Amino acid sequence: MDEVVLISYGFFCGYSLLLVVLLFVRHENSGNKLLSFVLLLLLGRVGKSVISLAFPGAILPVNVVGLASMAALGPMMLFYVEELYTGSRIPRRKAAIHLIPAVACLLVWDWTLLNPAYFVITAHFLGYIFYTAGWLFANREIYAIDNIRWRWSKGVITGIFIMSISFATQLFIYEPVLYLGNIGISVGVLYLLSFWAMRQNRLFVELAKKSVDDSTEVYAKLGEAVKKVMDEEAFVDSDLNLGKLARNLKVQPYILSRTVNIYFNKSFPELILDYRLRKAEQLLSSLGKVYTIEAIAYESGFNTLSVFYQSFKKRNGMTPAQYKKHLEDKT
């Protein structure tokens, strides 16, 4: 029975590796390459458990690779989620600093140090998961507008969190059946994430120049339609998201997302935020009309005041109240 289970684990790990390689080589998009690295690191950590289960006296390098993979996994997950929403690549110096623990783990060539190191790195890994989830939650009003990316990133973080609980449990519980089950959970989540990534990757690819040129007229026409509904203030609907607008325009969400990127040179959340802030600036500069800051925020499509204040100050270098006073002083 154990042999059948181990063969199954090995098969799904191997198939996950194939999917990760395909994801890496099929697309030049840096986000998809980051995702493939995240999945490869997951495979390194899960593979360590499978090999250790199959060969109880596994050689030290296998355990070192598993430790280093988990140490690098947290930062790579954070980098991927940040790039997914901001579109900006992580500076090399910042990446190098975050990956120092992973490099240090490669130097742990002593069995007496390896076990406590796994406790430390598991805590380190959980810290990155909570930080990434917190960052995403803090920006939810802006990022959830692109509900496709929002669902996908939540799914990735949730899946990795489930695996982290499995990894942590393995450190404390050595009962054979439960240990086998924990590894099975990790293998299953890894396979599902790899399979789902291959299904989702078309949503987040950069178009080759030739394909853009071949479809310029199509994207221009749809871009004009988007501009029209935005000029008609569709953005004041606080529940507006990529899927909802795509249904209204009768196009696939990923087509709409690409159109916005090409026509406006912005991501969908950036486009909506830009229109909402312009509306707020217009209301703040209205002469003869008295609006409270709260009313302006909600009239512009914001759900929460904190996001409105933060976004407005980032754009204008001053708070809405200061902006209004500045305009009044000029008149």
C-alpha atoms as a PDB file:
ATOM      1  CA  MET A   1       0.000   0.000   0.000  1.00  0.00           C
ATOM      2  CA  ASP A   2       2.793   2.418   0.950  1.00  0.00           C
ATOM      3  CA  GLU A   3       4.535   1.691  -2.347  1.00  0.00           C
ATOM      4  CA  VAL A   4       1.383   2.584  -4.312  1.00  0.00           C
ATOM      5  CA  VAL A   5       1.072   5.846  -2.382  1.00  0.00           C
ATOM      6  CA  LEU A   6       4.723   6.732  -2.975  1.00  0.00           C
ATOM      7  CA  ILE A   7       4.439   5.963  -6.693  1.00  0.00           C
ATOM      8  CA  SER A   8       1.355   8.190  -6.853  1.00  0.00           C
ATOM      9  CA  TYR A   9       3.178  11.009  -5.053  1.00  0.00           C
ATOM     10  CA  GLY A  10       6.129  10.637  -7.407  1.00  0.00           C
ATOM     11  CA  PHE A  11       3.860  10.694 -10.466  1.00  0.00           C
ATOM     12  CA  PHE A  12       2.051  13.875  -9.437  1.00  0.00           C
ATOM     13  CA  CYS A  13       5.326  15.585  -8.509  1.00  0.00           C
ATOM     14  CA  GLY A  14       6.764  14.634 -11.907  1.00  0.00           C
ATOM     15  CA  TYR A  15       3.661  15.841 -13.730  1.00  0.00           C
ATOM     16  CA  SER A  16       3.764  19.115 -11.764  1.00  0.00           C
ATOM     17  CA  LEU A  17       7.395  19.554 -12.829  1.00  0.00           C
ATOM     18  CA  LEU A  18       6.380  19.093 -16.469  1.00  0.00           C
ATOM     19  CA  LEU A  19       3.664  21.751 -16.130  1.00  0.00           C
ATOM     20  CA  VAL A  20       6.102  24.156 -14.450  1.00  0.00           C
ATOM     21  CA  VAL A  21       8.654  23.705 -17.258  1.00  0.00           C
ATOM     22  CA  LEU A  22       5.967  24.273 -19.893  1.00  0.00           C
ATOM     23  CA  LEU A  23       4.797  27.410 -18.099  1.00  0.00           C
ATOM     24  CA  PHE A  24       8.368  28.731 -18.055  1.00  0.00           C
ATOM     25  CA  VAL A  25       9.276  28.045 -21.695  1.00  0.00           C
ATOM     26  CA  ARG A  26       5.968  28.931 -23.357  1.00  0.00           C
ATOM     27  CA  HIS A  27       5.804  32.556 -22.229  1.00  0.00           C
ATOM     28  CA  GLU A  28       8.329  35.372 -21.992  1.00  0.00           C
ATOM     29  CA  ASN A  29       6.144  37.259 -19.514  1.00  0.00           C
ATOM     30  CA  SER A  30       8.230  37.874 -16.381  1.00  0.00           C
ATOM     31  CA  GLY A  31       5.188  37.339 -14.143  1.00  0.00           C
ATOM     32  CA  ASN A  32       4.631  33.844 -15.510  1.00  0.00           C
ATOM     33  CA  LYS A  33       8.328  33.103 -15.108  1.00  0.00           C
ATOM     34  CA  LEU A  34       8.141  34.242 -11.486  1.00  0.00           C
ATOM     35  CA  LEU A  35       5.131  31.985 -11.018  1.00  0.00           C
ATOM     36  CA  SER A  36       7.059  29.054 -12.478  1.00  0.00           C
ATOM     37  CA  PHE A  37       9.879  29.735  -9.972  1.00  0.00           C
ATOM     38  CA  VAL A  38       7.338  29.793  -7.115  1.00  0.00           C
ATOM     39  CA  LEU A  39       5.963  26.428  -8.217  1.00  0.00           C
ATOM     40  CA  LEU A  40       9.462  25.020  -8.716  1.00  0.00           C
ATOM     41  CA  LEU A  41      10.416  26.016  -5.172  1.00  0.00           C
ATOM     42  CA  LEU A  42       7.229  24.403  -3.881  1.00  0.00           C
ATOM     43  CA  LEU A  43       8.222  21.288  -5.789  1.00  0.00           C
ATOM     44  CA  GLY A  44      11.682  21.419  -4.175  1.00  0.00           C
ATOM     45  CA  ARG A  45      10.159  21.473  -0.696  1.00  0.00           C
ATOM     46  CA  VAL A  46       7.474  18.854  -1.414  1.00  0.00           C
ATOM     47  CA  GLY A  47       9.928  16.688  -3.329  1.00  0.00           C
ATOM     48  CA  LYS A  48      12.218  16.655  -0.308  1.00  0.00           C
ATOM     49  CA  SER A  49       9.394  15.141   1.803  1.00  0.00           C
ATOM     50  CA  VAL A  50       8.543  12.533  -0.844  1.00  0.00           C
ATOM     51  CA  ILE A  51      12.186  11.481  -1.262  1.00  0.00           C
ATOM     52  CA  SER A  52      12.682  11.341   2.507  1.00  0.00           C
ATOM     53  CA  LEU A  53       9.588   9.159   2.778  1.00  0.00           C
ATOM     54  CA  ALA A  54      10.800   6.828   0.047  1.00  0.00           C
ATOM     55  CA  PHE A  55      14.378   6.734   1.361  1.00  0.00           C
ATOM     56  CA  PRO A  56      14.398   7.232   5.161  1.00  0.00           C
ATOM     57  CA  GLY A  57      18.171   7.540   5.154  1.00  0.00           C
ATOM     58  CA  ALA A  58      18.087  10.226   2.448  1.00  0.00           C
ATOM     59  CA  ILE A  59      21.356  12.009   1.879  1.00  0.00           C
ATOM     60  CA  LEU A  60      21.918  15.406   3.418  1.00  0.00           C
ATOM     61  CA  PRO A  61      21.822  17.430   0.127  1.00  0.00           C
ATOM     62  CA  VAL A  62      18.149  16.533  -0.415  1.00  0.00           C
ATOM     63  CA  ASN A  63      17.224  18.045   2.939  1.00  0.00           C
ATOM     64  CA  VAL A  64      19.396  21.105   2.338  1.00  0.00           C
ATOM     65  CA  VAL A  65      17.675  21.732  -1.012  1.00  0.00           C
ATOM     66  CA  GLY A  66      14.271  21.405   0.655  1.00  0.00           C
ATOM     67  CA  LEU A  67      15.266  23.906   3.341  1.00  0.00           C
ATOM     68  CA  ALA A  68      16.671  26.428   0.850  1.00  0.00           C
ATOM     69  CA  SER A  69      13.598  26.048  -1.376  1.00  0.00           C
ATOM     70  CA  MET A  70      11.271  26.947   1.472  1.00  0.00           C
ATOM     71  CA  ALA A  71      13.472  29.898   2.475  1.00  0.00           C
ATOM     72  CA  ALA A  72      13.278  31.293  -1.067  1.00  0.00           C
ATOM     73  CA  LEU A  73       9.595  30.477  -1.513  1.00  0.00           C
ATOM     74  CA  GLY A  74       8.186  33.246   0.700  1.00  0.00           C
ATOM     75  CA  PRO A  75      10.050  36.104  -1.025  1.00  0.00           C
ATOM     76  CA  MET A  76       9.327  34.728  -4.511  1.00  0.00           C
ATOM     77  CA  MET A  77       5.606  34.493  -3.710  1.00  0.00           C
ATOM     78  CA  LEU A  78       5.642  38.116  -2.521  1.00  0.00           C
ATOM     79  CA  PHE A  79       7.528  39.261  -5.644  1.00  0.00           C
ATOM     80  CA  TYR A  80       5.058  37.427  -7.887  1.00  0.00           C
ATOM     81  CA  VAL A  81       1.940  38.900  -6.268  1.00  0.00           C
ATOM     82  CA  GLU A  82       3.432  42.415  -6.301  1.00  0.00           C
ATOM     83  CA  GLU A  83       4.341  42.162  -9.993  1.00  0.00           C
ATOM     84  CA  LEU A  84       0.949  40.676 -10.838  1.00  0.00           C
ATOM     85  CA  TYR A  85      -0.751  43.886  -9.663  1.00  0.00           C
ATOM     86  CA  THR A  86       1.825  46.630 -10.121  1.00  0.00           C
ATOM     87  CA  GLY A  87       3.476  45.361 -13.302  1.00  0.00           C
ATOM     88  CA  SER A  88       6.848  46.561 -11.990  1.00  0.00           C
ATOM     89  CA  ARG A  89       9.757  44.190 -11.649  1.00  0.00           C
ATOM     90  CA  ILE A  90      11.449  43.762  -8.296  1.00  0.00           C
ATOM     91  CA  PRO A  91      14.826  45.597  -8.094  1.00  0.00           C
ATOM     92  CA  ARG A  92      17.727  43.170  -8.017  1.00  0.00           C
ATOM     93  CA  ARG A  93      19.135  44.611  -4.806  1.00  0.00           C
ATOM     94  CA  LYS A  94      15.797  44.175  -3.012  1.00  0.00           C
ATOM     95  CA  ALA A  95      15.489  40.618  -4.327  1.00  0.00           C
ATOM     96  CA  ALA A  96      19.038  39.790  -3.213  1.00  0.00           C
ATOM     97  CA  ILE A  97      18.359  41.029   0.333  1.00  0.00           C
ATOM     98  CA  HIS A  98      15.180  38.953   0.639  1.00  0.00           C
ATOM     99  CA  LEU A  99      16.948  35.838  -0.629  1.00  0.00           C
ATOM    100  CA  ILE A 100      19.876  35.971   1.814  1.00  0.00           C
ATOM    101  CA  PRO A 101      18.260  33.355   4.159  1.00  0.00           C
ATOM    102  CA  ALA A 102      17.872  30.948   1.217  1.00  0.00           C
ATOM    103  CA  VAL A 103      21.553  31.287   0.349  1.00  0.00           C
ATOM    104  CA  ALA A 104      22.477  30.822   4.017  1.00  0.00           C
ATOM    105  CA  CYS A 105      20.450  27.591   4.115  1.00  0.00           C
ATOM    106  CA  LEU A 106      22.683  26.119   1.421  1.00  0.00           C
ATOM    107  CA  LEU A 107      25.506  26.267   3.963  1.00  0.00           C
ATOM    108  CA  VAL A 108      23.722  24.135   6.566  1.00  0.00           C
ATOM    109  CA  TRP A 109      25.625  20.864   6.057  1.00  0.00           C
ATOM    110  CA  ASP A 110      25.201  19.473   9.553  1.00  0.00           C
ATOM    111  CA  TRP A 111      22.368  17.180  10.651  1.00  0.00           C
ATOM    112  CA  THR A 112      22.400  18.701  14.144  1.00  0.00           C
ATOM    113  CA  LEU A 113      21.650  22.151  12.672  1.00  0.00           C
ATOM    114  CA  LEU A 114      19.212  21.044  10.004  1.00  0.00           C
ATOM    115  CA  ASN A 115      16.226  20.265  12.244  1.00  0.00           C
ATOM    116  CA  PRO A 116      16.223  23.594  14.162  1.00  0.00           C
ATOM    117  CA  ALA A 117      16.832  25.370  10.847  1.00  0.00           C
ATOM    118  CA  TYR A 118      13.584  23.876   9.506  1.00  0.00           C
ATOM    119  CA  PHE A 119      11.689  25.345  12.479  1.00  0.00           C
ATOM    120  CA  VAL A 120      13.176  28.794  11.844  1.00  0.00           C
ATOM    121  CA  ILE A 121      12.592  28.744   8.082  1.00  0.00           C
ATOM    122  CA  THR A 122       9.017  27.465   8.485  1.00  0.00           C
ATOM    123  CA  ALA A 123       8.291  30.482  10.714  1.00  0.00           C
ATOM    124  CA  HIS A 124      10.064  32.690   8.141  1.00  0.00           C
ATOM    125  CA  PHE A 125       7.862  31.196   5.391  1.00  0.00           C
ATOM    126  CA  LEU A 126       4.640  31.758   7.350  1.00  0.00           C
ATOM    127  CA  GLY A 127       5.709  35.352   7.983  1.00  0.00           C
ATOM    128  CA  TYR A 128       5.934  36.023   4.247  1.00  0.00           C
ATOM    129  CA  ILE A 129       2.540  34.429   3.656  1.00  0.00           C
ATOM    130  CA  PHE A 130       0.882  36.661   6.266  1.00  0.00           C
ATOM    131  CA  TYR A 131       2.734  39.743   4.993  1.00  0.00           C
ATOM    132  CA  THR A 132       1.685  39.069   1.376  1.00  0.00           C
ATOM    133  CA  ALA A 133      -1.932  38.425   2.380  1.00  0.00           C
ATOM    134  CA  GLY A 134      -1.891  41.594   4.512  1.00  0.00           C
ATOM    135  CA  TRP A 135      -0.497  43.687   1.643  1.00  0.00           C
ATOM    136  CA  LEU A 136      -3.162  42.351  -0.690  1.00  0.00           C
ATOM    137  CA  PHE A 137      -5.942  42.924   1.858  1.00  0.00           C
ATOM    138  CA  ALA A 138      -4.763  46.488   2.570  1.00  0.00           C
ATOM    139  CA  ASN A 139      -5.071  47.298  -1.146  1.00  0.00           C
ATOM    140  CA  ARG A 140      -8.209  45.247  -1.741  1.00  0.00           C
ATOM    141  CA  GLU A 141     -10.423  48.150  -2.874  1.00  0.00           C
ATOM    142  CA  ILE A 142      -8.055  48.935  -5.723  1.00  0.00           C
ATOM    143  CA  TYR A 143      -6.798  45.476  -6.667  1.00  0.00           C
ATOM    144  CA  ALA A 144     -10.115  43.629  -6.343  1.00  0.00           C
ATOM    145  CA  ILE A 145     -11.360  45.715  -9.303  1.00  0.00           C
ATOM    146  CA  ASP A 146      -9.444  43.251 -11.470  1.00  0.00           C
ATOM    147  CA  ASN A 147     -11.456  40.355 -10.110  1.00  0.00           C
ATOM    148  CA  ILE A 148      -9.649  37.787 -12.292  1.00  0.00           C
ATOM    149  CA  ARG A 149      -6.250  38.559 -10.784  1.00  0.00           C
ATOM    150  CA  TRP A 150      -7.884  38.959  -7.378  1.00  0.00           C
ATOM    151  CA  ARG A 151      -9.357  35.435  -7.406  1.00  0.00           C
ATOM    152  CA  TRP A 152      -6.160  33.960  -8.793  1.00  0.00           C
ATOM    153  CA  SER A 153      -3.832  35.610  -6.244  1.00  0.00           C
ATOM    154  CA  LYS A 154      -6.128  34.642  -3.365  1.00  0.00           C
ATOM    155  CA  GLY A 155      -6.139  31.069  -4.653  1.00  0.00           C
ATOM    156  CA  VAL A 156      -2.330  30.972  -4.865  1.00  0.00           C
ATOM    157  CA  ILE A 157      -1.867  32.397  -1.357  1.00  0.00           C
ATOM    158  CA  THR A 158      -4.524  30.079   0.088  1.00  0.00           C
ATOM    159  CA  GLY A 159      -2.972  27.023  -1.557  1.00  0.00           C
ATOM    160  CA  ILE A 160       0.515  27.921  -0.336  1.00  0.00           C
ATOM    161  CA  PHE A 161      -0.843  28.611   3.164  1.00  0.00           C
ATOM    162  CA  ILE A 162      -2.426  25.131   3.262  1.00  0.00           C
ATOM    163  CA  MET A 163       0.920  23.665   2.259  1.00  0.00           C
ATOM    164  CA  SER A 164       2.714  25.696   4.941  1.00  0.00           C
ATOM    165  CA  ILE A 165       0.407  24.228   7.604  1.00  0.00           C
ATOM    166  CA  SER A 166       1.237  20.786   6.264  1.00  0.00           C
ATOM    167  CA  PHE A 167       4.972  21.571   6.445  1.00  0.00           C
ATOM    168  CA  ALA A 168       4.622  22.869  10.023  1.00  0.00           C
ATOM    169  CA  THR A 169       2.639  19.802  11.084  1.00  0.00           C
ATOM    170  CA  GLN A 170       5.375  17.527   9.749  1.00  0.00           C
ATOM    171  CA  LEU A 171       7.815  19.147  12.186  1.00  0.00           C
ATOM    172  CA  PHE A 172       5.739  18.324  15.249  1.00  0.00           C
ATOM    173  CA  ILE A 173       3.939  15.068  14.423  1.00  0.00           C
ATOM    174  CA  TYR A 174       5.793  11.934  13.421  1.00  0.00           C
ATOM    175  CA  GLU A 175       2.874   9.467  13.380  1.00  0.00           C
ATOM    176  CA  PRO A 176       3.406   7.593  10.067  1.00  0.00           C
ATOM    177  CA  VAL A 177      -0.173   7.732   8.725  1.00  0.00           C
ATOM    178  CA  LEU A 178      -0.624  11.424   9.516  1.00  0.00           C
ATOM    179  CA  TYR A 179       2.819  12.225   8.119  1.00  0.00           C
ATOM    180  CA  LEU A 180       1.890  10.400   4.920  1.00  0.00           C
ATOM    181  CA  GLY A 181      -1.387  12.324   4.759  1.00  0.00           C
ATOM    182  CA  ASN A 182       0.345  15.682   5.222  1.00  0.00           C
ATOM    183  CA  ILE A 183       2.693  14.941   2.358  1.00  0.00           C
ATOM    184  CA  GLY A 184      -0.334  13.898   0.272  1.00  0.00           C
ATOM    185  CA  ILE A 185      -1.988  17.270   0.945  1.00  0.00           C
ATOM    186  CA  SER A 186       1.168  19.098  -0.162  1.00  0.00           C
ATOM    187  CA  VAL A 187       1.477  17.013  -3.325  1.00  0.00           C
ATOM    188  CA  GLY A 188      -2.218  17.523  -4.146  1.00  0.00           C
ATOM    189  CA  VAL A 189      -2.095  21.299  -3.664  1.00  0.00           C
ATOM    190  CA  LEU A 190       1.106  21.534  -5.710  1.00  0.00           C
ATOM    191  CA  TYR A 191      -0.492  19.633  -8.577  1.00  0.00           C
ATOM    192  CA  LEU A 192      -3.687  21.715  -8.469  1.00  0.00           C
ATOM    193  CA  LEU A 193      -1.743  25.002  -8.445  1.00  0.00           C
ATOM    194  CA  SER A 194       0.439  23.850 -11.352  1.00  0.00           C
ATOM    195  CA  PHE A 195      -2.573  22.708 -13.360  1.00  0.00           C
ATOM    196  CA  TRP A 196      -4.538  25.878 -12.567  1.00  0.00           C
ATOM    197  CA  ALA A 197      -1.517  28.028 -13.506  1.00  0.00           C
ATOM    198  CA  MET A 198      -1.444  26.482 -16.975  1.00  0.00           C
ATOM    199  CA  ARG A 199      -5.160  27.247 -17.356  1.00  0.00           C
ATOM    200  CA  GLN A 200      -4.837  30.821 -16.089  1.00  0.00           C
ATOM    201  CA  ASN A 201      -1.572  31.904 -17.682  1.00  0.00           C
ATOM    202  CA  ARG A 202      -3.187  33.219 -20.874  1.00  0.00           C
ATOM    203  CA  LEU A 203      -4.845  35.931 -18.780  1.00  0.00           C
ATOM    204  CA  PHE A 204      -1.528  37.401 -17.696  1.00  0.00           C
ATOM    205  CA  VAL A 205       0.667  37.215 -20.788  1.00  0.00           C
ATOM    206  CA  GLU A 206       2.254  40.121 -22.587  1.00  0.00           C
ATOM    207  CA  LEU A 207       1.270  40.199 -26.224  1.00  0.00           C
ATOM    208  CA  ALA A 208       3.988  39.859 -28.792  1.00  0.00           C
ATOM    209  CA  LYS A 209       4.407  42.973 -30.940  1.00  0.00           C
ATOM    210  CA  LYS A 210       3.280  41.151 -34.081  1.00  0.00           C
ATOM    211  CA  SER A 211       0.016  39.984 -32.510  1.00  0.00           C
ATOM    212  CA  VAL A 212      -0.671  43.520 -31.272  1.00  0.00           C
ATOM    213  CA  ASP A 213      -0.026  44.948 -34.721  1.00  0.00           C
ATOM    214  CA  ASP A 214      -2.269  42.336 -36.313  1.00  0.00           C
ATOM    215  CA  SER A 215      -5.157  43.254 -33.986  1.00  0.00           C
ATOM    216  CA  THR A 216      -4.661  47.021 -33.675  1.00  0.00           C
ATOM    217  CA  GLU A 217      -8.057  47.840 -35.141  1.00  0.00           C
ATOM    218  CA  VAL A 218      -9.868  45.418 -32.814  1.00  0.00           C
ATOM    219  CA  TYR A 219      -8.154  46.755 -29.695  1.00  0.00           C
ATOM    220  CA  ALA A 220      -8.637  50.361 -30.808  1.00  0.00           C
ATOM    221  CA  LYS A 221     -12.364  49.835 -31.333  1.00  0.00           C
ATOM    222  CA  LEU A 222     -12.808  48.152 -27.949  1.00  0.00           C
ATOM    223  CA  GLY A 223     -10.592  50.783 -26.332  1.00  0.00           C
ATOM    224  CA  GLU A 224     -12.865  53.522 -27.657  1.00  0.00           C
ATOM    225  CA  ALA A 225     -15.860  51.673 -26.227  1.00  0.00           C
ATOM    226  CA  VAL A 226     -14.152  51.493 -22.831  1.00  0.00           C
ATOM    227  CA  LYS A 227     -13.330  55.212 -22.993  1.00  0.00           C
ATOM    228  CA  LYS A 228     -16.953  55.985 -23.827  1.00  0.00           C
ATOM    229  CA  VAL A 229     -18.375  54.142 -20.816  1.00  0.00           C
ATOM    230  CA  MET A 230     -15.692  55.643 -18.576  1.00  0.00           C
ATOM    231  CA  ASP A 231     -16.514  59.143 -19.835  1.00  0.00           C
ATOM    232  CA  GLU A 232     -20.130  58.342 -18.989  1.00  0.00           C
ATOM    233  CA  GLU A 233     -18.879  57.719 -15.437  1.00  0.00           C
ATOM    234  CA  ALA A 234     -19.338  53.974 -15.186  1.00  0.00           C
ATOM    235  CA  PHE A 235     -16.455  54.099 -12.691  1.00  0.00           C
ATOM    236  CA  VAL A 236     -18.626  55.719  -9.990  1.00  0.00           C
ATOM    237  CA  ASP A 237     -20.194  52.277  -9.501  1.00  0.00           C
ATOM    238  CA  SER A 238     -18.179  51.066  -6.506  1.00  0.00           C
ATOM    239  CA  ASP A 239     -18.966  47.461  -7.478  1.00  0.00           C
ATOM    240  CA  LEU A 240     -17.493  47.815 -10.970  1.00  0.00           C
ATOM    241  CA  ASN A 241     -14.875  45.200 -11.774  1.00  0.00           C
ATOM    242  CA  LEU A 242     -13.230  43.719 -14.839  1.00  0.00           C
ATOM    243  CA  GLY A 243     -15.735  40.873 -15.159  1.00  0.00           C
ATOM    244  CA  LYS A 244     -18.761  43.162 -14.830  1.00  0.00           C
ATOM    245  CA  LEU A 245     -17.531  45.621 -17.454  1.00  0.00           C
ATOM    246  CA  ALA A 246     -16.559  42.752 -19.770  1.00  0.00           C
ATOM    247  CA  ARG A 247     -20.116  41.391 -19.546  1.00  0.00           C
ATOM    248  CA  ASN A 248     -21.543  44.822 -20.323  1.00  0.00           C
ATOM    249  CA  LEU A 249     -19.281  45.159 -23.362  1.00  0.00           C
ATOM    250  CA  LYS A 250     -19.894  41.502 -24.339  1.00  0.00           C
ATOM    251  CA  VAL A 251     -16.210  40.499 -24.484  1.00  0.00           C
ATOM    252  CA  GLN A 252     -14.038  38.023 -22.641  1.00  0.00           C
ATOM    253  CA  PRO A 253     -12.423  39.511 -19.491  1.00  0.00           C
ATOM    254  CA  TYR A 254      -8.880  38.709 -20.610  1.00  0.00           C
ATOM    255  CA  ILE A 255      -9.531  40.480 -23.942  1.00  0.00           C
ATOM    256  CA  LEU A 256     -10.753  43.551 -22.065  1.00  0.00           C
ATOM    257  CA  SER A 257      -7.713  43.431 -19.768  1.00  0.00           C
ATOM    258  CA  ARG A 258      -5.335  43.310 -22.737  1.00  0.00           C
ATOM    259  CA  THR A 259      -7.223  46.113 -24.475  1.00  0.00           C
ATOM    260  CA  VAL A 260      -6.873  48.389 -21.454  1.00  0.00           C
ATOM    261  CA  ASN A 261      -3.150  47.598 -21.257  1.00  0.00           C
ATOM    262  CA  ILE A 262      -2.643  48.395 -24.951  1.00  0.00           C
ATOM    263  CA  TYR A 263      -5.065  51.306 -25.476  1.00  0.00           C
ATOM    264  CA  PHE A 264      -4.549  53.156 -22.182  1.00  0.00           C
ATOM    265  CA  ASN A 265      -1.084  51.802 -21.281  1.00  0.00           C
ATOM    266  CA  LYS A 266      -2.461  51.066 -17.806  1.00  0.00           C
ATOM    267  CA  SER A 267      -3.745  48.080 -15.880  1.00  0.00           C
ATOM    268  CA  PHE A 268      -7.500  47.941 -15.288  1.00  0.00           C
ATOM    269  CA  PRO A 269      -7.223  48.944 -11.580  1.00  0.00           C
ATOM    270  CA  GLU A 270      -4.951  51.858 -12.548  1.00  0.00           C
ATOM    271  CA  LEU A 271      -7.467  53.029 -15.148  1.00  0.00           C
ATOM    272  CA  ILE A 272     -10.411  52.982 -12.736  1.00  0.00           C
ATOM    273  CA  LEU A 273      -8.367  54.668 -10.011  1.00  0.00           C
ATOM    274  CA  ASP A 274      -7.285  57.393 -12.445  1.00  0.00           C
ATOM    275  CA  TYR A 275     -10.877  58.170 -13.455  1.00  0.00           C
ATOM    276  CA  ARG A 276     -12.083  58.172  -9.843  1.00  0.00           C
ATOM    277  CA  LEU A 277      -9.334  60.538  -8.722  1.00  0.00           C
ATOM    278  CA  ARG A 278     -10.029  62.870 -11.647  1.00  0.00           C
ATOM    279  CA  LYS A 279     -13.680  62.918 -10.655  1.00  0.00           C
ATOM    280  CA  ALA A 280     -12.711  63.737  -7.061  1.00  0.00           C
ATOM    281  CA  GLU A 281     -10.452  66.569  -8.237  1.00  0.00           C
ATOM    282  CA  GLN A 282     -13.308  67.926 -10.340  1.00  0.00           C
ATOM    283  CA  LEU A 283     -15.696  67.899  -7.376  1.00  0.00           C
ATOM    284  CA  LEU A 284     -13.111  69.514  -5.106  1.00  0.00           C
ATOM    285  CA  SER A 285     -12.616  72.347  -7.595  1.00  0.00           C
ATOM    286  CA  SER A 286     -16.353  72.959  -8.128  1.00  0.00           C
ATOM    287  CA  LEU A 287     -17.111  76.602  -7.392  1.00  0.00           C
ATOM    288  CA  GLY A 288     -20.304  77.473  -5.583  1.00  0.00           C
ATOM    289  CA  LYS A 289     -20.908  73.875  -4.506  1.00  0.00           C
ATOM    290  CA  VAL A 290     -20.176  72.539  -1.062  1.00  0.00           C
ATOM    291  CA  TYR A 291     -19.217  68.879  -0.826  1.00  0.00           C
ATOM    292  CA  THR A 292     -17.851  67.116   2.218  1.00  0.00           C
ATOM    293  CA  ILE A 293     -14.706  65.054   1.676  1.00  0.00           C
ATOM    294  CA  GLU A 294     -16.720  61.937   2.513  1.00  0.00           C
ATOM    295  CA  ALA A 295     -19.349  62.772  -0.105  1.00  0.00           C
ATOM    296  CA  ILE A 296     -16.678  63.410  -2.730  1.00  0.00           C
ATOM    297  CA  ALA A 297     -15.058  60.041  -2.018  1.00  0.00           C
ATOM    298  CA  TYR A 298     -18.307  58.116  -2.389  1.00  0.00           C
ATOM    299  CA  GLU A 299     -19.487  60.161  -5.384  1.00  0.00           C
ATOM    300  CA  SER A 300     -16.219  59.289  -7.104  1.00  0.00           C
ATOM    301  CA  GLY A 301     -16.698  55.539  -6.603  1.00  0.00           C
ATOM    302  CA  PHE A 302     -14.546  54.876  -3.531  1.00  0.00           C
ATOM    303  CA  ASN A 303     -15.884  52.503  -0.893  1.00  0.00           C
ATOM    304  CA  THR A 304     -13.585  53.528   1.925  1.00  0.00           C
ATOM    305  CA  LEU A 305     -12.165  56.895   2.957  1.00  0.00           C
ATOM    306  CA  SER A 306      -8.750  55.490   3.844  1.00  0.00           C
ATOM    307  CA  VAL A 307      -8.112  54.277   0.286  1.00  0.00           C
ATOM    308  CA  PHE A 308      -9.382  57.604  -1.094  1.00  0.00           C
ATOM    309  CA  TYR A 309      -7.061  59.653   1.152  1.00  0.00           C
ATOM    310  CA  GLN A 310      -4.078  57.403   0.480  1.00  0.00           C
ATOM    311  CA  SER A 311      -4.571  57.353  -3.307  1.00  0.00           C
ATOM    312  CA  PHE A 312      -5.314  61.076  -3.545  1.00  0.00           C
ATOM    313  CA  LYS A 313      -2.253  62.086  -1.517  1.00  0.00           C
ATOM    314  CA  LYS A 314      -0.015  59.751  -3.530  1.00  0.00           C
ATOM    315  CA  ARG A 315      -1.226  61.357  -6.764  1.00  0.00           C
ATOM    316  CA  ASN A 316      -1.306  65.024  -5.711  1.00  0.00           C
ATOM    317  CA  GLY A 317       1.165  65.226  -2.858  1.00  0.00           C
ATOM    318  CA  MET A 318      -1.489  66.624  -0.535  1.00  0.00           C
ATOM    319  CA  THR A 319      -4.700  65.550   1.171  1.00  0.00           C
ATOM    320  CA  PRO A 320      -8.102  66.331  -0.392  1.00  0.00           C
ATOM    321  CA  ALA A 321      -8.683  69.098   2.190  1.00  0.00           C
ATOM    322  CA  GLN A 322      -5.296  70.647   1.448  1.00  0.00           C
ATOM    323  CA  TYR A 323      -5.984  70.393  -2.285  1.00  0.00           C
ATOM    324  CA  LYS A 324      -9.313  72.198  -1.873  1.00  0.00           C
ATOM    325  CA  LYS A 325      -7.731  74.953   0.260  1.00  0.00           C
ATOM    326  CA  HIS A 326      -4.930  75.313  -2.286  1.00  0.00           C
ATOM    327  CA  LEU A 327      -7.489  75.914  -5.045  1.00  0.00           C
ATOM    328  CA  GLU A 328      -9.425  78.394  -2.897  1.00  0.00           C
ATOM    329  CA  ASP A 329      -6.260  80.356  -2.129  1.00  0.00           C
ATOM    330  CA  LYS A 330      -5.516  80.671  -5.844  1.00  0.00           C
ATOM    331  CA  THR A 331      -8.924  82.218  -6.611  1.00  0.00           C
END
